[in-house]
Amino acid sequence: MLLVLAPVVWALGFGPAVWLTAEGCLDREVVERAYGPILSAAVGGPEAIREAISWWGSLGVRRGRLACFDIGLPKNGDVWLDFFGPGEPFGVRMGLELPPRK
């Protein structure tokens, strides 16, 4: 039973990890290491998966906050995923530097 629940709990923890990063309470590199497969799926997965990740990652980000993650896909250079607050677009930027924290 625990083996079945562990991946579900891990995936559900992605949203709160993004929200805490947007608040400055969690280092983005921790999230990049812990949730690399989810971050990669946000760029290269099927559309339904990308939309679900965008929704869950952005759900708890307060308006005016931003959480950025570098997933650095080797063949594309740096790829940054931006999670803004609800109702704001989810962003993917290629080869750009991390924007300054507000």
PDB file of N, CA and C in Angstrom:
ATOM      1  N   MET A   1       0.831  -1.199   0.000  1.00  0.00           N
ATOM      2  CA  MET A   1       0.000   0.000   0.000  1.00  0.00           C
ATOM      3  C   MET A   1       0.869   1.254   0.000  1.00  0.00           C
ATOM      4  N   LEU A   2       1.934   1.232   0.821  1.00  0.00           N
ATOM      5  CA  LEU A   2       2.818   2.389   0.906  1.00  0.00           C
ATOM      6  C   LEU A   2       3.504   2.652  -0.427  1.00  0.00           C
ATOM      7  N   LEU A   3       3.875   1.593  -1.138  1.00  0.00           N
ATOM      8  CA  LEU A   3       4.518   1.757  -2.442  1.00  0.00           C
ATOM      9  C   LEU A   3       3.585   2.398  -3.463  1.00  0.00           C
ATOM     10  N   VAL A   4       2.297   2.204  -3.306  1.00  0.00           N
ATOM     11  CA  VAL A   4       1.325   2.803  -4.211  1.00  0.00           C
ATOM     12  C   VAL A   4       1.118   4.276  -3.857  1.00  0.00           C
ATOM     13  N   LEU A   5       1.096   4.590  -2.579  1.00  0.00           N
ATOM     14  CA  LEU A   5       0.841   5.959  -2.146  1.00  0.00           C
ATOM     15  C   LEU A   5       2.041   6.889  -2.293  1.00  0.00           C
ATOM     16  N   ALA A   6       3.238   6.366  -2.213  1.00  0.00           N
ATOM     17  CA  ALA A   6       4.434   7.215  -2.255  1.00  0.00           C
ATOM     18  C   ALA A   6       4.504   8.090  -3.512  1.00  0.00           C
ATOM     19  N   PRO A   7       4.291   7.549  -4.717  1.00  0.00           N
ATOM     20  CA  PRO A   7       4.334   8.419  -5.901  1.00  0.00           C
ATOM     21  C   PRO A   7       3.216   9.460  -5.934  1.00  0.00           C
ATOM     22  N   VAL A   8       2.072   9.107  -5.400  1.00  0.00           N
ATOM     23  CA  VAL A   8       0.946  10.049  -5.363  1.00  0.00           C
ATOM     24  C   VAL A   8       1.268  11.206  -4.422  1.00  0.00           C
ATOM     25  N   VAL A   9       1.782  10.890  -3.248  1.00  0.00           N
ATOM     26  CA  VAL A   9       2.157  11.926  -2.286  1.00  0.00           C
ATOM     27  C   VAL A   9       3.261  12.802  -2.859  1.00  0.00           C
ATOM     28  N   TRP A  10       4.241  12.181  -3.516  1.00  0.00           N
ATOM     29  CA  TRP A  10       5.326  12.942  -4.151  1.00  0.00           C
ATOM     30  C   TRP A  10       4.759  13.920  -5.184  1.00  0.00           C
ATOM     31  N   ALA A  11       3.883  13.460  -6.079  1.00  0.00           N
ATOM     32  CA  ALA A  11       3.322  14.320  -7.118  1.00  0.00           C
ATOM     33  C   ALA A  11       2.468  15.438  -6.523  1.00  0.00           C
ATOM     34  N   LEU A  12       1.702  15.120  -5.505  1.00  0.00           N
ATOM     35  CA  LEU A  12       0.870  16.144  -4.863  1.00  0.00           C
ATOM     36  C   LEU A  12       1.725  17.204  -4.167  1.00  0.00           C
ATOM     37  N   GLY A  13       2.914  16.835  -3.731  1.00  0.00           N
ATOM     38  CA  GLY A  13       3.806  17.790  -3.073  1.00  0.00           C
ATOM     39  C   GLY A  13       4.406  18.810  -4.020  1.00  0.00           C
ATOM     40  N   PHE A  14       4.284  18.582  -5.340  1.00  0.00           N
ATOM     41  CA  PHE A  14       4.858  19.506  -6.312  1.00  0.00           C
ATOM     42  C   PHE A  14       4.254  20.901  -6.202  1.00  0.00           C
ATOM     43  N   GLY A  15       2.939  20.988  -6.144  1.00  0.00           N
ATOM     44  CA  GLY A  15       2.273  22.296  -6.061  1.00  0.00           C
ATOM     45  C   GLY A  15       2.750  23.102  -4.858  1.00  0.00           C
ATOM     46  N   PRO A  16       2.655  22.557  -3.649  1.00  0.00           N
ATOM     47  CA  PRO A  16       3.139  23.304  -2.487  1.00  0.00           C
ATOM     48  C   PRO A  16       4.629  23.664  -2.579  1.00  0.00           C
ATOM     49  N   ALA A  17       5.441  22.828  -3.214  1.00  0.00           N
ATOM     50  CA  ALA A  17       6.861  23.160  -3.378  1.00  0.00           C
ATOM     51  C   ALA A  17       7.018  24.396  -4.264  1.00  0.00           C
ATOM     52  N   VAL A  18       6.230  24.486  -5.328  1.00  0.00           N
ATOM     53  CA  VAL A  18       6.269  25.665  -6.203  1.00  0.00           C
ATOM     54  C   VAL A  18       5.809  26.895  -5.430  1.00  0.00           C
ATOM     55  N   TRP A  19       4.728  26.763  -4.672  1.00  0.00           N
ATOM     56  CA  TRP A  19       4.181  27.902  -3.937  1.00  0.00           C
ATOM     57  C   TRP A  19       5.177  28.418  -2.900  1.00  0.00           C
ATOM     58  N   LEU A  20       5.827  27.494  -2.207  1.00  0.00           N
ATOM     59  CA  LEU A  20       6.833  27.896  -1.215  1.00  0.00           C
ATOM     60  C   LEU A  20       8.038  28.557  -1.870  1.00  0.00           C
ATOM     61  N   THR A  21       8.391  28.108  -3.066  1.00  0.00           N
ATOM     62  CA  THR A  21       9.482  28.737  -3.800  1.00  0.00           C
ATOM     63  C   THR A  21       9.110  30.163  -4.190  1.00  0.00           C
ATOM     64  N   ALA A  22       7.878  30.363  -4.630  1.00  0.00           N
ATOM     65  CA  ALA A  22       7.416  31.705  -5.009  1.00  0.00           C
ATOM     66  C   ALA A  22       7.438  32.659  -3.814  1.00  0.00           C
ATOM     67  N   GLU A  23       7.248  32.123  -2.621  1.00  0.00           N
ATOM     68  CA  GLU A  23       7.260  32.952  -1.407  1.00  0.00           C
ATOM     69  C   GLU A  23       8.669  33.150  -0.857  1.00  0.00           C
ATOM     70  N   GLY A  24       9.646  32.476  -1.441  1.00  0.00           N
ATOM     71  CA  GLY A  24      11.022  32.604  -0.964  1.00  0.00           C
ATOM     72  C   GLY A  24      11.342  31.717   0.227  1.00  0.00           C
ATOM     73  N   CYS A  25      10.475  30.746   0.499  1.00  0.00           N
ATOM     74  CA  CYS A  25      10.661  29.849   1.646  1.00  0.00           C
ATOM     75  C   CYS A  25      11.383  28.552   1.282  1.00  0.00           C
ATOM     76  N   LEU A  26      11.553  28.281   0.003  1.00  0.00           N
ATOM     77  CA  LEU A  26      12.185  27.056  -0.451  1.00  0.00           C
ATOM     78  C   LEU A  26      13.074  27.388  -1.643  1.00  0.00           C
ATOM     79  N   ASP A  27      14.287  26.890  -1.621  1.00  0.00           N
ATOM     80  CA  ASP A  27      15.239  27.158  -2.691  1.00  0.00           C
ATOM     81  C   ASP A  27      14.822  26.432  -3.969  1.00  0.00           C
ATOM     82  N   ARG A  28      14.880  27.122  -5.093  1.00  0.00           N
ATOM     83  CA  ARG A  28      14.445  26.529  -6.364  1.00  0.00           C
ATOM     84  C   ARG A  28      15.245  25.295  -6.732  1.00  0.00           C
ATOM     85  N   GLU A  29      16.524  25.244  -6.342  1.00  0.00           N
ATOM     86  CA  GLU A  29      17.350  24.086  -6.689  1.00  0.00           C
ATOM     87  C   GLU A  29      16.867  22.820  -5.989  1.00  0.00           C
ATOM     88  N   VAL A  30      16.297  22.959  -4.816  1.00  0.00           N
ATOM     89  CA  VAL A  30      15.726  21.808  -4.112  1.00  0.00           C
ATOM     90  C   VAL A  30      14.557  21.243  -4.924  1.00  0.00           C
ATOM     91  N   VAL A  31      13.720  22.138  -5.404  1.00  0.00           N
ATOM     92  CA  VAL A  31      12.559  21.716  -6.197  1.00  0.00           C
ATOM     93  C   VAL A  31      13.017  21.117  -7.531  1.00  0.00           C
ATOM     94  N   GLU A  32      14.033  21.723  -8.151  1.00  0.00           N
ATOM     95  CA  GLU A  32      14.541  21.195  -9.418  1.00  0.00           C
ATOM     96  C   GLU A  32      15.051  19.766  -9.265  1.00  0.00           C
ATOM     97  N   ARG A  33      15.720  19.497  -8.148  1.00  0.00           N
ATOM     98  CA  ARG A  33      16.227  18.128  -7.916  1.00  0.00           C
ATOM     99  C   ARG A  33      15.100  17.166  -7.554  1.00  0.00           C
ATOM    100  N   ALA A  34      14.212  17.600  -6.676  1.00  0.00           N
ATOM    101  CA  ALA A  34      13.156  16.705  -6.185  1.00  0.00           C
ATOM    102  C   ALA A  34      12.075  16.438  -7.227  1.00  0.00           C
ATOM    103  N   TYR A  35      11.805  17.426  -8.076  1.00  0.00           N
ATOM    104  CA  TYR A  35      10.685  17.318  -9.019  1.00  0.00           C
ATOM    105  C   TYR A  35      11.118  17.460 -10.476  1.00  0.00           C
ATOM    106  N   GLY A  36      12.368  17.113 -10.778  1.00  0.00           N
ATOM    107  CA  GLY A  36      12.866  17.187 -12.153  1.00  0.00           C
ATOM    108  C   GLY A  36      11.976  16.507 -13.180  1.00  0.00           C
ATOM    109  N   PRO A  37      11.500  15.282 -12.920  1.00  0.00           N
ATOM    110  CA  PRO A  37      10.637  14.624 -13.912  1.00  0.00           C
ATOM    111  C   PRO A  37       9.337  15.388 -14.181  1.00  0.00           C
ATOM    112  N   ILE A  38       8.766  15.989 -13.148  1.00  0.00           N
ATOM    113  CA  ILE A  38       7.535  16.764 -13.345  1.00  0.00           C
ATOM    114  C   ILE A  38       7.839  18.032 -14.128  1.00  0.00           C
ATOM    115  N   LEU A  39       8.931  18.703 -13.797  1.00  0.00           N
ATOM    116  CA  LEU A  39       9.309  19.917 -14.518  1.00  0.00           C
ATOM    117  C   LEU A  39       9.584  19.612 -15.995  1.00  0.00           C
ATOM    118  N   SER A  40      10.241  18.491 -16.267  1.00  0.00           N
ATOM    119  CA  SER A  40      10.499  18.105 -17.655  1.00  0.00           C
ATOM    120  C   SER A  40       9.199  17.800 -18.398  1.00  0.00           C
ATOM    121  N   ALA A  41       8.266  17.148 -17.723  1.00  0.00           N
ATOM    122  CA  ALA A  41       6.972  16.837 -18.340  1.00  0.00           C
ATOM    123  C   ALA A  41       6.176  18.104 -18.625  1.00  0.00           C
ATOM    124  N   ALA A  42       6.429  19.169 -17.866  1.00  0.00           N
ATOM    125  CA  ALA A  42       5.741  20.442 -18.099  1.00  0.00           C
ATOM    126  C   ALA A  42       6.135  21.045 -19.439  1.00  0.00           C
ATOM    127  N   VAL A  43       7.281  20.655 -19.958  1.00  0.00           N
ATOM    128  CA  VAL A  43       7.743  21.158 -21.256  1.00  0.00           C
ATOM    129  C   VAL A  43       7.520  20.119 -22.355  1.00  0.00           C
ATOM    130  N   GLY A  44       7.844  18.859 -22.081  1.00  0.00           N
ATOM    131  CA  GLY A  44       7.833  17.852 -23.137  1.00  0.00           C
ATOM    132  C   GLY A  44       6.725  16.839 -23.069  1.00  0.00           C
ATOM    133  N   GLY A  45       5.843  16.938 -22.096  1.00  0.00           N
ATOM    134  CA  GLY A  45       4.779  15.950 -21.967  1.00  0.00           C
ATOM    135  C   GLY A  45       3.588  16.252 -22.859  1.00  0.00           C
ATOM    136  N   PRO A  46       2.606  15.355 -22.866  1.00  0.00           N
ATOM    137  CA  PRO A  46       1.380  15.600 -23.621  1.00  0.00           C
ATOM    138  C   PRO A  46       0.675  16.864 -23.105  1.00  0.00           C
ATOM    139  N   GLU A  47      -0.121  17.470 -23.945  1.00  0.00           N
ATOM    140  CA  GLU A  47      -0.771  18.737 -23.601  1.00  0.00           C
ATOM    141  C   GLU A  47      -1.565  18.659 -22.298  1.00  0.00           C
ATOM    142  N   ALA A  48      -2.307  17.589 -22.093  1.00  0.00           N
ATOM    143  CA  ALA A  48      -3.113  17.462 -20.868  1.00  0.00           C
ATOM    144  C   ALA A  48      -2.223  17.450 -19.628  1.00  0.00           C
ATOM    145  N   ILE A  49      -1.063  16.794 -19.724  1.00  0.00           N
ATOM    146  CA  ILE A  49      -0.116  16.757 -18.604  1.00  0.00           C
ATOM    147  C   ILE A  49       0.474  18.136 -18.376  1.00  0.00           C
ATOM    148  N   ARG A  50       0.861  18.810 -19.451  1.00  0.00           N
ATOM    149  CA  ARG A  50       1.428  20.166 -19.324  1.00  0.00           C
ATOM    150  C   ARG A  50       0.429  21.103 -18.664  1.00  0.00           C
ATOM    151  N   GLU A  51      -0.827  21.025 -19.073  1.00  0.00           N
ATOM    152  CA  GLU A  51      -1.854  21.899 -18.500  1.00  0.00           C
ATOM    153  C   GLU A  51      -2.099  21.587 -17.023  1.00  0.00           C
ATOM    154  N   ALA A  52      -2.110  20.301 -16.666  1.00  0.00           N
ATOM    155  CA  ALA A  52      -2.313  19.918 -15.266  1.00  0.00           C
ATOM    156  C   ALA A  52      -1.160  20.414 -14.396  1.00  0.00           C
ATOM    157  N   ILE A  53       0.060  20.283 -14.883  1.00  0.00           N
ATOM    158  CA  ILE A  53       1.226  20.749 -14.128  1.00  0.00           C
ATOM    159  C   ILE A  53       1.185  22.268 -13.977  1.00  0.00           C
ATOM    160  N   SER A  54       0.842  22.960 -15.051  1.00  0.00           N
ATOM    161  CA  SER A  54       0.725  24.415 -14.999  1.00  0.00           C
ATOM    162  C   SER A  54      -0.323  24.837 -13.969  1.00  0.00           C
ATOM    163  N   TRP A  55      -1.479  24.192 -14.003  1.00  0.00           N
ATOM    164  CA  TRP A  55      -2.562  24.530 -13.086  1.00  0.00           C
ATOM    165  C   TRP A  55      -2.141  24.272 -11.629  1.00  0.00           C
ATOM    166  N   TRP A  56      -1.614  23.084 -11.353  1.00  0.00           N
ATOM    167  CA  TRP A  56      -1.264  22.718  -9.980  1.00  0.00           C
ATOM    168  C   TRP A  56      -0.104  23.569  -9.465  1.00  0.00           C
ATOM    169  N   GLY A  57       0.879  23.835 -10.320  1.00  0.00           N
ATOM    170  CA  GLY A  57       2.010  24.641  -9.901  1.00  0.00           C
ATOM    171  C   GLY A  57       1.654  26.088  -9.654  1.00  0.00           C
ATOM    172  N   SER A  58       0.688  26.618 -10.394  1.00  0.00           N
ATOM    173  CA  SER A  58       0.309  28.028 -10.279  1.00  0.00           C
ATOM    174  C   SER A  58      -0.790  28.279  -9.260  1.00  0.00           C
ATOM    175  N   LEU A  59      -1.505  27.252  -8.872  1.00  0.00           N
ATOM    176  CA  LEU A  59      -2.694  27.403  -8.034  1.00  0.00           C
ATOM    177  C   LEU A  59      -2.457  28.211  -6.762  1.00  0.00           C
ATOM    178  N   GLY A  60      -1.369  27.948  -6.062  1.00  0.00           N
ATOM    179  CA  GLY A  60      -1.129  28.623  -4.791  1.00  0.00           C
ATOM    180  C   GLY A  60      -0.127  29.764  -4.845  1.00  0.00           C
ATOM    181  N   VAL A  61       0.265  30.165  -6.044  1.00  0.00           N
ATOM    182  CA  VAL A  61       1.205  31.287  -6.173  1.00  0.00           C
ATOM    183  C   VAL A  61       0.400  32.578  -6.120  1.00  0.00           C
ATOM    184  N   ARG A  62       0.733  33.427  -5.137  1.00  0.00           N
ATOM    185  CA  ARG A  62      -0.003  34.678  -4.991  1.00  0.00           C
ATOM    186  C   ARG A  62       0.280  35.607  -6.173  1.00  0.00           C
ATOM    187  N   ARG A  63      -0.718  36.395  -6.527  1.00  0.00           N
ATOM    188  CA  ARG A  63      -0.576  37.363  -7.617  1.00  0.00           C
ATOM    189  C   ARG A  63       0.618  38.266  -7.338  1.00  0.00           C
ATOM    190  N   GLY A  64       1.422  38.472  -8.365  1.00  0.00           N
ATOM    191  CA  GLY A  64       2.614  39.295  -8.224  1.00  0.00           C
ATOM    192  C   GLY A  64       3.854  38.514  -7.813  1.00  0.00           C
ATOM    193  N   ARG A  65       3.700  37.233  -7.522  1.00  0.00           N
ATOM    194  CA  ARG A  65       4.835  36.372  -7.170  1.00  0.00           C
ATOM    195  C   ARG A  65       5.216  35.523  -8.375  1.00  0.00           C
ATOM    196  N   LEU A  66       6.411  34.963  -8.325  1.00  0.00           N
ATOM    197  CA  LEU A  66       6.908  34.174  -9.438  1.00  0.00           C
ATOM    198  C   LEU A  66       7.827  33.089  -8.900  1.00  0.00           C
ATOM    199  N   ALA A  67       7.689  31.891  -9.426  1.00  0.00           N
ATOM    200  CA  ALA A  67       8.619  30.796  -9.131  1.00  0.00           C
ATOM    201  C   ALA A  67       9.214  30.355 -10.460  1.00  0.00           C
ATOM    202  N   CYS A  68      10.534  30.372 -10.566  1.00  0.00           N
ATOM    203  CA  CYS A  68      11.231  29.997 -11.795  1.00  0.00           C
ATOM    204  C   CYS A  68      12.088  28.772 -11.546  1.00  0.00           C
ATOM    205  N   PHE A  69      12.101  27.856 -12.511  1.00  0.00           N
ATOM    206  CA  PHE A  69      12.893  26.644 -12.389  1.00  0.00           C
ATOM    207  C   PHE A  69      13.653  26.391 -13.671  1.00  0.00           C
ATOM    208  N   ASP A  70      14.922  26.061 -13.542  1.00  0.00           N
ATOM    209  CA  ASP A  70      15.778  25.743 -14.677  1.00  0.00           C
ATOM    210  C   ASP A  70      15.799  24.228 -14.831  1.00  0.00           C
ATOM    211  N   ILE A  71      15.242  23.731 -15.931  1.00  0.00           N
ATOM    212  CA  ILE A  71      15.273  22.285 -16.144  1.00  0.00           C
ATOM    213  C   ILE A  71      16.375  21.906 -17.104  1.00  0.00           C
ATOM    214  N   GLY A  72      17.040  22.901 -17.723  1.00  0.00           N
ATOM    215  CA  GLY A  72      18.249  22.707 -18.514  1.00  0.00           C
ATOM    216  C   GLY A  72      18.278  21.473 -19.388  1.00  0.00           C
ATOM    217  N   LEU A  73      17.339  21.353 -20.291  1.00  0.00           N
ATOM    218  CA  LEU A  73      17.360  20.229 -21.217  1.00  0.00           C
ATOM    219  C   LEU A  73      18.607  20.349 -22.082  1.00  0.00           C
ATOM    220  N   PRO A  74      19.466  19.331 -22.099  1.00  0.00           N
ATOM    221  CA  PRO A  74      20.772  19.434 -22.758  1.00  0.00           C
ATOM    222  C   PRO A  74      20.733  19.904 -24.207  1.00  0.00           C
ATOM    223  N   LYS A  75      19.818  19.408 -24.999  1.00  0.00           N
ATOM    224  CA  LYS A  75      19.831  19.784 -26.409  1.00  0.00           C
ATOM    225  C   LYS A  75      19.223  21.162 -26.656  1.00  0.00           C
ATOM    226  N   ASN A  76      18.508  21.714 -25.676  1.00  0.00           N
ATOM    227  CA  ASN A  76      17.872  23.018 -25.848  1.00  0.00           C
ATOM    228  C   ASN A  76      18.568  24.122 -25.056  1.00  0.00           C
ATOM    229  N   GLY A  77      19.593  23.804 -24.301  1.00  0.00           N
ATOM    230  CA  GLY A  77      20.185  24.805 -23.416  1.00  0.00           C
ATOM    231  C   GLY A  77      19.309  24.969 -22.190  1.00  0.00           C
ATOM    232  N   ASP A  78      19.417  26.096 -21.543  1.00  0.00           N
ATOM    233  CA  ASP A  78      18.604  26.326 -20.352  1.00  0.00           C
ATOM    234  C   ASP A  78      17.145  26.519 -20.727  1.00  0.00           C
ATOM    235  N   VAL A  79      16.275  25.872 -19.983  1.00  0.00           N
ATOM    236  CA  VAL A  79      14.839  26.044 -20.149  1.00  0.00           C
ATOM    237  C   VAL A  79      14.286  26.428 -18.790  1.00  0.00           C
ATOM    238  N   TRP A  80      13.670  27.594 -18.727  1.00  0.00           N
ATOM    239  CA  TRP A  80      13.098  28.084 -17.477  1.00  0.00           C
ATOM    240  C   TRP A  80      11.591  27.930 -17.512  1.00  0.00           C
ATOM    241  N   LEU A  81      11.027  27.405 -16.442  1.00  0.00           N
ATOM    242  CA  LEU A  81       9.581  27.330 -16.290  1.00  0.00           C
ATOM    243  C   LEU A  81       9.171  28.387 -15.288  1.00  0.00           C
ATOM    244  N   ASP A  82       8.204  29.193 -15.646  1.00  0.00           N
ATOM    245  CA  ASP A  82       7.718  30.263 -14.780  1.00  0.00           C
ATOM    246  C   ASP A  82       6.305  29.936 -14.325  1.00  0.00           C
ATOM    247  N   PHE A  83       6.090  29.964 -13.028  1.00  0.00           N
ATOM    248  CA  PHE A  83       4.760  29.776 -12.464  1.00  0.00           C
ATOM    249  C   PHE A  83       4.334  31.098 -11.847  1.00  0.00           C
ATOM    250  N   PHE A  84       3.262  31.679 -12.385  1.00  0.00           N
ATOM    251  CA  PHE A  84       2.712  32.913 -11.858  1.00  0.00           C
ATOM    252  C   PHE A  84       1.462  32.567 -11.069  1.00  0.00           C
ATOM    253  N   GLY A  85       0.795  33.567 -10.557  1.00  0.00           N
ATOM    254  CA  GLY A  85      -0.431  33.336  -9.796  1.00  0.00           C
ATOM    255  C   GLY A  85      -1.577  32.856 -10.666  1.00  0.00           C
ATOM    256  N   PRO A  86      -2.700  32.481 -10.036  1.00  0.00           N
ATOM    257  CA  PRO A  86      -3.870  31.984 -10.760  1.00  0.00           C
ATOM    258  C   PRO A  86      -4.353  33.002 -11.792  1.00  0.00           C
ATOM    259  N   GLY A  87      -4.748  32.509 -12.939  1.00  0.00           N
ATOM    260  CA  GLY A  87      -5.262  33.365 -13.990  1.00  0.00           C
ATOM    261  C   GLY A  87      -4.185  34.021 -14.836  1.00  0.00           C
ATOM    262  N   GLU A  88      -2.934  33.827 -14.469  1.00  0.00           N
ATOM    263  CA  GLU A  88      -1.837  34.389 -15.250  1.00  0.00           C
ATOM    264  C   GLU A  88      -1.207  33.254 -16.056  1.00  0.00           C
ATOM    265  N   PRO A  89      -0.581  33.578 -17.179  1.00  0.00           N
ATOM    266  CA  PRO A  89      -0.050  32.508 -18.035  1.00  0.00           C
ATOM    267  C   PRO A  89       1.132  31.779 -17.420  1.00  0.00           C
ATOM    268  N   PHE A  90       1.230  30.514 -17.745  1.00  0.00           N
ATOM    269  CA  PHE A  90       2.377  29.677 -17.395  1.00  0.00           C
ATOM    270  C   PHE A  90       3.406  29.945 -18.468  1.00  0.00           C
ATOM    271  N   GLY A  91       4.667  30.129 -18.100  1.00  0.00           N
ATOM    272  CA  GLY A  91       5.657  30.496 -19.093  1.00  0.00           C
ATOM    273  C   GLY A  91       6.773  29.482 -19.233  1.00  0.00           C
ATOM    274  N   VAL A  92       7.271  29.366 -20.428  1.00  0.00           N
ATOM    275  CA  VAL A  92       8.466  28.575 -20.717  1.00  0.00           C
ATOM    276  C   VAL A  92       9.392  29.488 -21.492  1.00  0.00           C
ATOM    277  N   ARG A  93      10.608  29.674 -20.992  1.00  0.00           N
ATOM    278  CA  ARG A  93      11.595  30.515 -21.668  1.00  0.00           C
ATOM    279  C   ARG A  93      12.815  29.677 -21.959  1.00  0.00           C
ATOM    280  N   MET A  94      13.403  29.862 -23.114  1.00  0.00           N
ATOM    281  CA  MET A  94      14.586  29.104 -23.513  1.00  0.00           C
ATOM    282  C   MET A  94      15.819  29.980 -23.428  1.00  0.00           C
ATOM    283  N   GLY A  95      16.861  29.472 -22.757  1.00  0.00           N
ATOM    284  CA  GLY A  95      18.175  30.091 -22.775  1.00  0.00           C
ATOM    285  C   GLY A  95      18.280  31.463 -22.167  1.00  0.00           C
ATOM    286  N   LEU A  96      17.426  31.796 -21.235  1.00  0.00           N
ATOM    287  CA  LEU A  96      17.467  33.106 -20.591  1.00  0.00           C
ATOM    288  C   LEU A  96      17.929  32.969 -19.148  1.00  0.00           C
ATOM    289  N   GLU A  97      18.422  34.037 -18.615  1.00  0.00           N
ATOM    290  CA  GLU A  97      18.863  34.044 -17.219  1.00  0.00           C
ATOM    291  C   GLU A  97      17.670  34.111 -16.287  1.00  0.00           C
ATOM    292  N   LEU A  98      17.872  33.709 -15.054  1.00  0.00           N
ATOM    293  CA  LEU A  98      16.848  33.793 -14.020  1.00  0.00           C
ATOM    294  C   LEU A  98      16.530  35.257 -13.754  1.00  0.00           C
ATOM    295  N   PRO A  99      15.254  35.650 -13.787  1.00  0.00           N
ATOM    296  CA  PRO A  99      14.925  37.045 -13.518  1.00  0.00           C
ATOM    297  C   PRO A  99      15.137  37.372 -12.048  1.00  0.00           C
ATOM    298  N   PRO A 100      15.360  38.652 -11.728  1.00  0.00           N
ATOM    299  CA  PRO A 100      15.554  39.011 -10.324  1.00  0.00           C
ATOM    300  C   PRO A 100      14.280  38.772  -9.529  1.00  0.00           C
ATOM    301  N   ARG A 101      14.411  38.374  -8.276  1.00  0.00           N
ATOM    302  CA  ARG A 101      13.267  38.139  -7.403  1.00  0.00           C
ATOM    303  C   ARG A 101      12.660  39.469  -7.021  1.00  0.00           C
ATOM    304  N   LYS A 102      11.326  39.537  -7.053  1.00  0.00           N
ATOM    305  CA  LYS A 102      10.628  40.773  -6.663  1.00  0.00           C
ATOM    306  C   LYS A 102      10.610  40.931  -5.167  1.00  0.00           C
TER     307      LYS A 102
END
